Amino acid sequence: MKRKQTMIMLQTAIYVILTIGAFFSAFPVIWMLSCSFKENSSIFDYPPRLITETFSLDAYAAILTNSTQLRFFINSYLVSILVTVLTLVLASCAAYSFSRYDFPGKNVLNTVIIGVQGLPQITLLIPYFGLIVTLQLYDTYLALILTYMIFTLPYAILILTSYFNTVPKELDEAVKIDGASSFCTLWKIILPISKPGIVAVGIRTFMQAWNEYLFALTLTKSLSMRTVPVGIQMLMGEYSYQWNEMMAMSILGSLPVLILYLAFQKYFIGGLAAGAVKE
C-alpha cells in the first residue's frame, strides 16, 4: 500500500513538472500570437492582457501587402528548399559510400565531418565572408546556399550513415546479383526503405536554413536578397519598434516549419530514433 502511494506521488510530481515545463515552453509562443493581434500602442499596456479588446489584423495586413516583406518570404523559401534538396542528394550519396564501402581516408573524412559539427558558426563568419567576396558571390542566392550547406551536410551525412547501417547489406547483394548498379541500389532500394531518416534530415535541414540569421545578414546587402529572420530584425527602427508586425512576421515565419513537422511527424520521430541505433 505504501509503495503504491509512493508511485502515485512520483507520477503526480512528474506530471506537475512536465506541465510547468510545457507552460514555460508554450507561453512565449502564445504571447507572441496575442501581440500579433494587438495594435502597436497597446503592446505594453499595464496590466498586461492576453486577450485585448482592440483585436486587430493590421499587423498581418501590413506584412502581407508589403511587397518587400513578401520578397523576404520568397527568398527564404527558395534558399531553404534548394539547400534541403541539395543536402539530401549529396548526403545520401556520401552516407551510402560511408555505410557500404571501405576506401582510403574514410576515417579521416569521418573525423573531419564530426569536427565540423563542433565548430561554432560565428568563428567561420569572417573567413566565409572573405571567400564569398573573392568568388564574387556576395549578395547572391548561391552564396547563401553554399554557406548553409557547409553546416547542413555534416549532420545529414552522420544521421543517414547511421540509418543506412540499419539496412541489411543482403538487400544490396540481392539487387546486385540481378545486375543493378550501386547508384540504382541506392535510389531504388535503400532510399525508399530509409524514408523516415530522409524525412527527419530534410525537416531539420529546412529548419536550419529557414531560421539562419547571421550569415543571411552578413552575406547579403540588398532588400531583394534578405530573408525572413533579417526582415524581422529590420522592423526594429532607430526610434521605434513595430512590435506587432514583428510578432506577426514571426508567426508567419514559423508556419512552414510547423506545417512540415505536423505533416511528417511520424517519419521525423521514427527517423531520429532509428538513426541513433547502429546495426
C-alpha atoms as a PDB file:
ATOM      1  CA  MET A   1       0.000   0.000   0.000  1.00  0.00           C
ATOM      2  CA  LYS A   2       2.786   2.369   0.942  1.00  0.00           C
ATOM      3  CA  ARG A   3       4.660   1.522  -2.253  1.00  0.00           C
ATOM      4  CA  LYS A   4       1.542   2.235  -4.304  1.00  0.00           C
ATOM      5  CA  GLN A   5       1.140   5.643  -2.665  1.00  0.00           C
ATOM      6  CA  THR A   6       4.780   6.408  -3.369  1.00  0.00           C
ATOM      7  CA  MET A   7       4.322   5.545  -7.060  1.00  0.00           C
ATOM      8  CA  ILE A   8       1.214   7.733  -7.280  1.00  0.00           C
ATOM      9  CA  MET A   9       3.051  10.654  -5.683  1.00  0.00           C
ATOM     10  CA  LEU A  10       6.005  10.160  -8.024  1.00  0.00           C
ATOM     11  CA  GLN A  11       3.763  10.094 -11.105  1.00  0.00           C
ATOM     12  CA  THR A  12       1.914  13.165  -9.877  1.00  0.00           C
ATOM     13  CA  ALA A  13       5.194  15.017  -9.363  1.00  0.00           C
ATOM     14  CA  ILE A  14       6.330  14.061 -12.873  1.00  0.00           C
ATOM     15  CA  TYR A  15       3.066  15.315 -14.406  1.00  0.00           C
ATOM     16  CA  VAL A  16       3.319  18.572 -12.473  1.00  0.00           C
ATOM     17  CA  ILE A  17       6.917  19.138 -13.624  1.00  0.00           C
ATOM     18  CA  LEU A  18       6.009  18.325 -17.236  1.00  0.00           C
ATOM     19  CA  THR A  19       3.005  20.653 -17.079  1.00  0.00           C
ATOM     20  CA  ILE A  20       5.135  23.505 -15.754  1.00  0.00           C
ATOM     21  CA  GLY A  21       7.746  22.845 -18.431  1.00  0.00           C
ATOM     22  CA  ALA A  22       5.095  22.787 -21.163  1.00  0.00           C
ATOM     23  CA  PHE A  23       3.678  26.082 -19.872  1.00  0.00           C
ATOM     24  CA  PHE A  24       7.063  27.819 -19.940  1.00  0.00           C
ATOM     25  CA  SER A  25       7.678  26.474 -23.440  1.00  0.00           C
ATOM     26  CA  ALA A  26       4.272  27.401 -24.850  1.00  0.00           C
ATOM     27  CA  PHE A  27       3.650  30.739 -23.136  1.00  0.00           C
ATOM     28  CA  PRO A  28       6.152  32.799 -25.225  1.00  0.00           C
ATOM     29  CA  VAL A  29       4.522  31.494 -28.408  1.00  0.00           C
ATOM     30  CA  ILE A  30       1.025  32.212 -27.078  1.00  0.00           C
ATOM     31  CA  TRP A  31       2.087  35.720 -26.029  1.00  0.00           C
ATOM     32  CA  MET A  32       3.692  36.304 -29.432  1.00  0.00           C
ATOM     33  CA  LEU A  33       0.438  35.245 -31.125  1.00  0.00           C
ATOM     34  CA  SER A  34      -1.549  37.534 -28.818  1.00  0.00           C
ATOM     35  CA  CYS A  35       0.703  40.530 -29.542  1.00  0.00           C
ATOM     36  CA  SER A  36       0.402  39.973 -33.283  1.00  0.00           C
ATOM     37  CA  PHE A  37      -3.334  40.765 -32.986  1.00  0.00           C
ATOM     38  CA  LYS A  38      -2.817  43.941 -30.960  1.00  0.00           C
ATOM     39  CA  GLU A  39      -2.178  47.497 -32.016  1.00  0.00           C
ATOM     40  CA  ASN A  40       1.420  48.520 -31.566  1.00  0.00           C
ATOM     41  CA  SER A  41       0.454  51.106 -28.949  1.00  0.00           C
ATOM     42  CA  SER A  42      -1.267  48.518 -26.735  1.00  0.00           C
ATOM     43  CA  ILE A  43       1.594  46.012 -26.598  1.00  0.00           C
ATOM     44  CA  PHE A  44       2.859  47.373 -23.283  1.00  0.00           C
ATOM     45  CA  ASP A  45      -0.491  48.079 -21.630  1.00  0.00           C
ATOM     46  CA  TYR A  46      -0.495  47.580 -17.869  1.00  0.00           C
ATOM     47  CA  PRO A  47      -1.707  45.288 -16.546  1.00  0.00           C
ATOM     48  CA  PRO A  48      -0.793  43.060 -19.496  1.00  0.00           C
ATOM     49  CA  ARG A  49      -3.681  41.157 -21.054  1.00  0.00           C
ATOM     50  CA  LEU A  50      -3.521  38.073 -23.202  1.00  0.00           C
ATOM     51  CA  ILE A  51      -6.810  38.890 -24.909  1.00  0.00           C
ATOM     52  CA  THR A  52      -7.279  42.548 -25.714  1.00  0.00           C
ATOM     53  CA  GLU A  53     -10.388  44.479 -26.674  1.00  0.00           C
ATOM     54  CA  THR A  54      -8.559  46.113 -29.579  1.00  0.00           C
ATOM     55  CA  PHE A  55      -8.307  42.944 -31.678  1.00  0.00           C
ATOM     56  CA  SER A  56      -6.669  43.884 -34.963  1.00  0.00           C
ATOM     57  CA  LEU A  57      -5.349  42.237 -38.113  1.00  0.00           C
ATOM     58  CA  ASP A  58      -3.441  45.367 -39.120  1.00  0.00           C
ATOM     59  CA  ALA A  59      -0.044  43.765 -38.443  1.00  0.00           C
ATOM     60  CA  TYR A  60      -0.753  40.816 -40.742  1.00  0.00           C
ATOM     61  CA  ALA A  61      -2.204  43.119 -43.376  1.00  0.00           C
ATOM     62  CA  ALA A  62       0.909  45.296 -43.228  1.00  0.00           C
ATOM     63  CA  ILE A  63       3.137  42.260 -43.795  1.00  0.00           C
ATOM     64  CA  LEU A  64       1.090  40.539 -46.485  1.00  0.00           C
ATOM     65  CA  THR A  65       0.501  43.707 -48.518  1.00  0.00           C
ATOM     66  CA  ASN A  66       4.125  44.832 -48.400  1.00  0.00           C
ATOM     67  CA  SER A  67       5.998  43.638 -51.496  1.00  0.00           C
ATOM     68  CA  THR A  68       9.354  43.965 -49.743  1.00  0.00           C
ATOM     69  CA  GLN A  69       8.264  41.762 -46.845  1.00  0.00           C
ATOM     70  CA  LEU A  70       6.790  39.206 -49.235  1.00  0.00           C
ATOM     71  CA  ARG A  71      10.122  39.144 -51.045  1.00  0.00           C
ATOM     72  CA  PHE A  72      11.783  38.087 -47.792  1.00  0.00           C
ATOM     73  CA  PHE A  73       9.476  35.064 -47.626  1.00  0.00           C
ATOM     74  CA  ILE A  74      10.158  34.161 -51.269  1.00  0.00           C
ATOM     75  CA  ASN A  75      13.908  34.329 -50.638  1.00  0.00           C
ATOM     76  CA  SER A  76      13.641  32.137 -47.539  1.00  0.00           C
ATOM     77  CA  TYR A  77      11.503  29.575 -49.346  1.00  0.00           C
ATOM     78  CA  LEU A  78      13.816  29.466 -52.357  1.00  0.00           C
ATOM     79  CA  VAL A  79      17.037  29.168 -50.375  1.00  0.00           C
ATOM     80  CA  SER A  80      15.662  26.698 -47.818  1.00  0.00           C
ATOM     81  CA  ILE A  81      14.120  24.372 -50.409  1.00  0.00           C
ATOM     82  CA  LEU A  82      17.242  24.326 -52.589  1.00  0.00           C
ATOM     83  CA  VAL A  83      19.508  23.756 -49.567  1.00  0.00           C
ATOM     84  CA  THR A  84      17.275  20.903 -48.405  1.00  0.00           C
ATOM     85  CA  VAL A  85      17.152  19.188 -51.805  1.00  0.00           C
ATOM     86  CA  LEU A  86      20.882  19.529 -52.490  1.00  0.00           C
ATOM     87  CA  THR A  87      21.794  18.433 -48.965  1.00  0.00           C
ATOM     88  CA  LEU A  88      19.622  15.304 -49.206  1.00  0.00           C
ATOM     89  CA  VAL A  89      21.053  14.334 -52.601  1.00  0.00           C
ATOM     90  CA  LEU A  90      24.704  14.827 -51.660  1.00  0.00           C
ATOM     91  CA  ALA A  91      24.330  13.452 -48.132  1.00  0.00           C
ATOM     92  CA  SER A  92      22.566  10.321 -49.413  1.00  0.00           C
ATOM     93  CA  CYS A  93      25.391   9.551 -51.820  1.00  0.00           C
ATOM     94  CA  ALA A  94      28.071  10.245 -49.201  1.00  0.00           C
ATOM     95  CA  ALA A  95      26.268   8.294 -46.479  1.00  0.00           C
ATOM     96  CA  TYR A  96      25.827   5.284 -48.772  1.00  0.00           C
ATOM     97  CA  SER A  97      29.552   5.317 -49.509  1.00  0.00           C
ATOM     98  CA  PHE A  98      30.453   5.511 -45.812  1.00  0.00           C
ATOM     99  CA  SER A  99      27.958   2.795 -44.937  1.00  0.00           C
ATOM    100  CA  ARG A 100      28.765   0.281 -47.660  1.00  0.00           C
ATOM    101  CA  TYR A 101      32.372   0.792 -48.751  1.00  0.00           C
ATOM    102  CA  ASP A 102      35.860   0.937 -47.283  1.00  0.00           C
ATOM    103  CA  PHE A 103      38.117   3.413 -49.058  1.00  0.00           C
ATOM    104  CA  PRO A 104      41.367   5.266 -48.304  1.00  0.00           C
ATOM    105  CA  GLY A 105      40.853   8.225 -45.998  1.00  0.00           C
ATOM    106  CA  LYS A 106      37.448   7.080 -44.729  1.00  0.00           C
ATOM    107  CA  ASN A 107      38.351   7.500 -41.069  1.00  0.00           C
ATOM    108  CA  VAL A 108      39.952  10.872 -41.723  1.00  0.00           C
ATOM    109  CA  LEU A 109      36.837  12.115 -43.511  1.00  0.00           C
ATOM    110  CA  ASN A 110      34.654  10.870 -40.673  1.00  0.00           C
ATOM    111  CA  THR A 111      36.803  12.783 -38.191  1.00  0.00           C
ATOM    112  CA  VAL A 112      36.601  15.957 -40.290  1.00  0.00           C
ATOM    113  CA  ILE A 113      32.804  15.696 -40.580  1.00  0.00           C
ATOM    114  CA  ILE A 114      32.420  15.243 -36.830  1.00  0.00           C
ATOM    115  CA  GLY A 115      34.903  18.054 -36.167  1.00  0.00           C
ATOM    116  CA  VAL A 116      32.985  20.496 -38.367  1.00  0.00           C
ATOM    117  CA  GLN A 117      29.900  19.829 -36.245  1.00  0.00           C
ATOM    118  CA  GLY A 118      31.742  21.072 -33.172  1.00  0.00           C
ATOM    119  CA  LEU A 119      32.819  24.413 -34.643  1.00  0.00           C
ATOM    120  CA  PRO A 120      30.751  27.464 -33.620  1.00  0.00           C
ATOM    121  CA  GLN A 121      29.379  29.019 -36.799  1.00  0.00           C
ATOM    122  CA  ILE A 122      30.332  32.535 -35.764  1.00  0.00           C
ATOM    123  CA  THR A 123      34.047  31.623 -35.820  1.00  0.00           C
ATOM    124  CA  LEU A 124      33.744  30.944 -39.560  1.00  0.00           C
ATOM    125  CA  LEU A 125      31.909  34.155 -40.391  1.00  0.00           C
ATOM    126  CA  ILE A 126      34.918  36.261 -41.426  1.00  0.00           C
ATOM    127  CA  PRO A 127      36.670  33.507 -43.455  1.00  0.00           C
ATOM    128  CA  TYR A 128      33.446  32.718 -45.332  1.00  0.00           C
ATOM    129  CA  PHE A 129      32.766  36.383 -45.944  1.00  0.00           C
ATOM    130  CA  GLY A 130      36.222  36.797 -47.470  1.00  0.00           C
ATOM    131  CA  LEU A 131      35.797  33.656 -49.580  1.00  0.00           C
ATOM    132  CA  ILE A 132      32.370  34.705 -50.863  1.00  0.00           C
ATOM    133  CA  VAL A 133      33.637  38.177 -51.793  1.00  0.00           C
ATOM    134  CA  THR A 134      36.696  36.690 -53.531  1.00  0.00           C
ATOM    135  CA  LEU A 135      34.461  34.366 -55.573  1.00  0.00           C
ATOM    136  CA  GLN A 136      32.240  37.370 -56.460  1.00  0.00           C
ATOM    137  CA  LEU A 137      29.185  35.676 -54.968  1.00  0.00           C
ATOM    138  CA  TYR A 138      28.351  38.381 -52.441  1.00  0.00           C
ATOM    139  CA  ASP A 139      24.638  39.255 -52.273  1.00  0.00           C
ATOM    140  CA  THR A 140      23.538  36.217 -54.291  1.00  0.00           C
ATOM    141  CA  TYR A 141      21.417  33.149 -53.645  1.00  0.00           C
ATOM    142  CA  LEU A 142      24.392  30.934 -54.389  1.00  0.00           C
ATOM    143  CA  ALA A 143      26.359  32.491 -51.521  1.00  0.00           C
ATOM    144  CA  LEU A 144      23.642  31.595 -49.028  1.00  0.00           C
ATOM    145  CA  ILE A 145      23.050  28.122 -50.444  1.00  0.00           C
ATOM    146  CA  LEU A 146      26.724  27.107 -50.451  1.00  0.00           C
ATOM    147  CA  THR A 147      27.298  28.546 -46.980  1.00  0.00           C
ATOM    148  CA  TYR A 148      24.266  26.853 -45.450  1.00  0.00           C
ATOM    149  CA  MET A 149      25.238  23.512 -46.968  1.00  0.00           C
ATOM    150  CA  ILE A 150      28.582  23.678 -45.186  1.00  0.00           C
ATOM    151  CA  PHE A 151      26.641  23.373 -41.920  1.00  0.00           C
ATOM    152  CA  THR A 152      23.797  21.089 -43.021  1.00  0.00           C
ATOM    153  CA  LEU A 153      25.803  18.428 -44.865  1.00  0.00           C
ATOM    154  CA  PRO A 154      27.895  17.051 -41.945  1.00  0.00           C
ATOM    155  CA  TYR A 155      24.859  16.397 -39.762  1.00  0.00           C
ATOM    156  CA  ALA A 156      22.925  14.909 -42.677  1.00  0.00           C
ATOM    157  CA  ILE A 157      25.797  12.564 -43.569  1.00  0.00           C
ATOM    158  CA  LEU A 158      26.191  11.379 -39.974  1.00  0.00           C
ATOM    159  CA  ILE A 159      22.478  10.664 -39.476  1.00  0.00           C
ATOM    160  CA  LEU A 160      21.964   8.990 -42.858  1.00  0.00           C
ATOM    161  CA  THR A 161      25.104   6.880 -42.444  1.00  0.00           C
ATOM    162  CA  SER A 162      23.783   5.599 -39.119  1.00  0.00           C
ATOM    163  CA  TYR A 163      20.390   4.971 -40.715  1.00  0.00           C
ATOM    164  CA  PHE A 164      21.815   3.150 -43.743  1.00  0.00           C
ATOM    165  CA  ASN A 165      23.807   0.953 -41.349  1.00  0.00           C
ATOM    166  CA  THR A 166      20.489  -0.400 -40.065  1.00  0.00           C
ATOM    167  CA  VAL A 167      19.505  -1.559 -43.573  1.00  0.00           C
ATOM    168  CA  PRO A 168      20.724  -5.152 -44.158  1.00  0.00           C
ATOM    169  CA  LYS A 169      23.534  -5.383 -46.682  1.00  0.00           C
ATOM    170  CA  GLU A 170      21.937  -8.562 -48.029  1.00  0.00           C
ATOM    171  CA  LEU A 171      19.469  -6.323 -49.879  1.00  0.00           C
ATOM    172  CA  ASP A 172      22.340  -4.706 -51.779  1.00  0.00           C
ATOM    173  CA  GLU A 173      23.814  -8.092 -52.661  1.00  0.00           C
ATOM    174  CA  ALA A 174      20.468  -9.452 -53.846  1.00  0.00           C
ATOM    175  CA  VAL A 175      19.913  -6.473 -56.134  1.00  0.00           C
ATOM    176  CA  LYS A 176      23.453  -6.537 -57.497  1.00  0.00           C
ATOM    177  CA  ILE A 177      23.058 -10.211 -58.398  1.00  0.00           C
ATOM    178  CA  ASP A 178      20.313  -9.056 -60.771  1.00  0.00           C
ATOM    179  CA  GLY A 179      22.790  -6.670 -62.394  1.00  0.00           C
ATOM    180  CA  ALA A 180      21.815  -3.404 -60.709  1.00  0.00           C
ATOM    181  CA  SER A 181      24.499  -0.762 -60.182  1.00  0.00           C
ATOM    182  CA  SER A 182      25.327   0.848 -56.849  1.00  0.00           C
ATOM    183  CA  PHE A 183      23.543   4.016 -57.965  1.00  0.00           C
ATOM    184  CA  CYS A 184      20.409   2.036 -58.828  1.00  0.00           C
ATOM    185  CA  THR A 185      20.586   0.183 -55.497  1.00  0.00           C
ATOM    186  CA  LEU A 186      20.747   3.454 -53.589  1.00  0.00           C
ATOM    187  CA  TRP A 187      17.894   5.249 -55.351  1.00  0.00           C
ATOM    188  CA  LYS A 188      15.513   2.348 -55.881  1.00  0.00           C
ATOM    189  CA  ILE A 189      16.117   0.188 -52.798  1.00  0.00           C
ATOM    190  CA  ILE A 190      17.919   1.967 -49.951  1.00  0.00           C
ATOM    191  CA  LEU A 191      16.242   5.379 -50.115  1.00  0.00           C
ATOM    192  CA  PRO A 192      12.627   4.089 -50.211  1.00  0.00           C
ATOM    193  CA  ILE A 193      13.342   1.910 -47.182  1.00  0.00           C
ATOM    194  CA  SER A 194      15.042   4.836 -45.441  1.00  0.00           C
ATOM    195  CA  LYS A 195      12.154   7.271 -45.909  1.00  0.00           C
ATOM    196  CA  PRO A 196      11.845   8.111 -42.156  1.00  0.00           C
ATOM    197  CA  GLY A 197      15.538   9.003 -41.965  1.00  0.00           C
ATOM    198  CA  ILE A 198      15.349  11.082 -45.145  1.00  0.00           C
ATOM    199  CA  VAL A 199      12.320  12.981 -43.853  1.00  0.00           C
ATOM    200  CA  ALA A 200      13.947  13.618 -40.460  1.00  0.00           C
ATOM    201  CA  VAL A 201      17.108  15.005 -42.057  1.00  0.00           C
ATOM    202  CA  GLY A 202      15.099  17.009 -44.600  1.00  0.00           C
ATOM    203  CA  ILE A 203      12.956  18.715 -41.956  1.00  0.00           C
ATOM    204  CA  ARG A 204      15.955  19.575 -39.800  1.00  0.00           C
ATOM    205  CA  THR A 205      17.862  20.913 -42.806  1.00  0.00           C
ATOM    206  CA  PHE A 206      14.907  23.067 -43.862  1.00  0.00           C
ATOM    207  CA  MET A 207      14.545  24.406 -40.316  1.00  0.00           C
ATOM    208  CA  GLN A 208      18.236  25.241 -40.087  1.00  0.00           C
ATOM    209  CA  ALA A 209      18.249  27.083 -43.418  1.00  0.00           C
ATOM    210  CA  TRP A 210      14.940  28.849 -42.738  1.00  0.00           C
ATOM    211  CA  ASN A 211      15.959  30.157 -39.301  1.00  0.00           C
ATOM    212  CA  GLU A 212      19.557  31.148 -40.099  1.00  0.00           C
ATOM    213  CA  TYR A 213      20.202  34.827 -39.410  1.00  0.00           C
ATOM    214  CA  LEU A 214      23.904  35.583 -39.001  1.00  0.00           C
ATOM    215  CA  PHE A 215      25.156  34.608 -42.468  1.00  0.00           C
ATOM    216  CA  ALA A 216      21.994  35.884 -44.174  1.00  0.00           C
ATOM    217  CA  LEU A 217      22.697  39.293 -42.652  1.00  0.00           C
ATOM    218  CA  THR A 218      26.423  39.270 -43.461  1.00  0.00           C
ATOM    219  CA  LEU A 219      26.392  37.828 -46.983  1.00  0.00           C
ATOM    220  CA  THR A 220      23.573  39.986 -48.373  1.00  0.00           C
ATOM    221  CA  LYS A 221      23.071  43.731 -48.559  1.00  0.00           C
ATOM    222  CA  SER A 222      20.123  44.476 -50.866  1.00  0.00           C
ATOM    223  CA  LEU A 223      16.499  44.253 -49.768  1.00  0.00           C
ATOM    224  CA  SER A 224      15.770  41.913 -52.664  1.00  0.00           C
ATOM    225  CA  MET A 225      18.112  39.294 -51.142  1.00  0.00           C
ATOM    226  CA  ARG A 226      17.136  39.479 -47.475  1.00  0.00           C
ATOM    227  CA  THR A 227      15.444  36.541 -45.760  1.00  0.00           C
ATOM    228  CA  VAL A 228      12.691  36.357 -43.119  1.00  0.00           C
ATOM    229  CA  PRO A 229      14.938  36.414 -39.993  1.00  0.00           C
ATOM    230  CA  VAL A 230      16.716  39.513 -41.294  1.00  0.00           C
ATOM    231  CA  GLY A 231      13.363  41.025 -42.298  1.00  0.00           C
ATOM    232  CA  ILE A 232      12.094  40.654 -38.724  1.00  0.00           C
ATOM    233  CA  GLN A 233      15.169  42.438 -37.390  1.00  0.00           C
ATOM    234  CA  MET A 234      14.657  45.259 -39.898  1.00  0.00           C
ATOM    235  CA  LEU A 235      11.334  46.099 -38.245  1.00  0.00           C
ATOM    236  CA  MET A 236      13.380  47.486 -35.357  1.00  0.00           C
ATOM    237  CA  GLY A 237      13.649  51.160 -36.254  1.00  0.00           C
ATOM    238  CA  GLU A 238      16.027  53.753 -34.861  1.00  0.00           C
ATOM    239  CA  TYR A 239      13.374  55.419 -32.736  1.00  0.00           C
ATOM    240  CA  SER A 240      10.520  52.897 -32.625  1.00  0.00           C
ATOM    241  CA  TYR A 241       9.883  49.177 -32.913  1.00  0.00           C
ATOM    242  CA  GLN A 242       6.959  47.704 -34.820  1.00  0.00           C
ATOM    243  CA  TRP A 243       6.343  45.054 -32.198  1.00  0.00           C
ATOM    244  CA  ASN A 244       3.019  43.801 -33.557  1.00  0.00           C
ATOM    245  CA  GLU A 245       4.432  43.438 -37.074  1.00  0.00           C
ATOM    246  CA  MET A 246       7.497  41.664 -35.702  1.00  0.00           C
ATOM    247  CA  MET A 247       5.239  39.208 -33.902  1.00  0.00           C
ATOM    248  CA  ALA A 248       3.035  38.738 -36.961  1.00  0.00           C
ATOM    249  CA  MET A 249       6.031  38.109 -39.200  1.00  0.00           C
ATOM    250  CA  SER A 250       7.446  35.684 -36.627  1.00  0.00           C
ATOM    251  CA  ILE A 251       4.162  33.751 -36.609  1.00  0.00           C
ATOM    252  CA  LEU A 252       4.050  33.658 -40.412  1.00  0.00           C
ATOM    253  CA  GLY A 253       7.699  32.618 -40.478  1.00  0.00           C
ATOM    254  CA  SER A 254       7.014  29.762 -38.064  1.00  0.00           C
ATOM    255  CA  LEU A 255       4.147  28.283 -40.083  1.00  0.00           C
ATOM    256  CA  PRO A 256       6.200  26.488 -42.794  1.00  0.00           C
ATOM    257  CA  VAL A 257       8.307  24.631 -40.234  1.00  0.00           C
ATOM    258  CA  LEU A 258       5.244  23.828 -38.103  1.00  0.00           C
ATOM    259  CA  ILE A 259       3.306  22.507 -41.090  1.00  0.00           C
ATOM    260  CA  LEU A 260       6.246  20.374 -42.202  1.00  0.00           C
ATOM    261  CA  TYR A 261       6.653  18.902 -38.741  1.00  0.00           C
ATOM    262  CA  LEU A 262       2.952  18.136 -38.323  1.00  0.00           C
ATOM    263  CA  ALA A 263       2.712  16.601 -41.787  1.00  0.00           C
ATOM    264  CA  PHE A 264       5.724  14.313 -41.320  1.00  0.00           C
ATOM    265  CA  GLN A 265       5.759  13.945 -37.527  1.00  0.00           C
ATOM    266  CA  LYS A 266       5.596  10.151 -37.653  1.00  0.00           C
ATOM    267  CA  TYR A 267       8.540   9.888 -40.034  1.00  0.00           C
ATOM    268  CA  PHE A 268      10.500  12.594 -38.205  1.00  0.00           C
ATOM    269  CA  ILE A 269      10.383  10.888 -34.796  1.00  0.00           C
ATOM    270  CA  GLY A 270      10.906   7.431 -36.282  1.00  0.00           C
ATOM    271  CA  GLY A 271      13.842   8.627 -38.357  1.00  0.00           C
ATOM    272  CA  LEU A 272      15.621  10.206 -35.398  1.00  0.00           C
ATOM    273  CA  ALA A 273      15.112   7.111 -33.277  1.00  0.00           C
ATOM    274  CA  ALA A 274      16.273   4.670 -35.957  1.00  0.00           C
ATOM    275  CA  GLY A 275      19.227   6.825 -36.935  1.00  0.00           C
ATOM    276  CA  ALA A 276      20.528   6.669 -33.391  1.00  0.00           C
ATOM    277  CA  VAL A 277      20.837   2.869 -33.464  1.00  0.00           C
ATOM    278  CA  LYS A 278      23.572   1.075 -35.341  1.00  0.00           C
ATOM    279  CA  GLU A 279      23.297  -2.390 -36.787  1.00  0.00           C
END
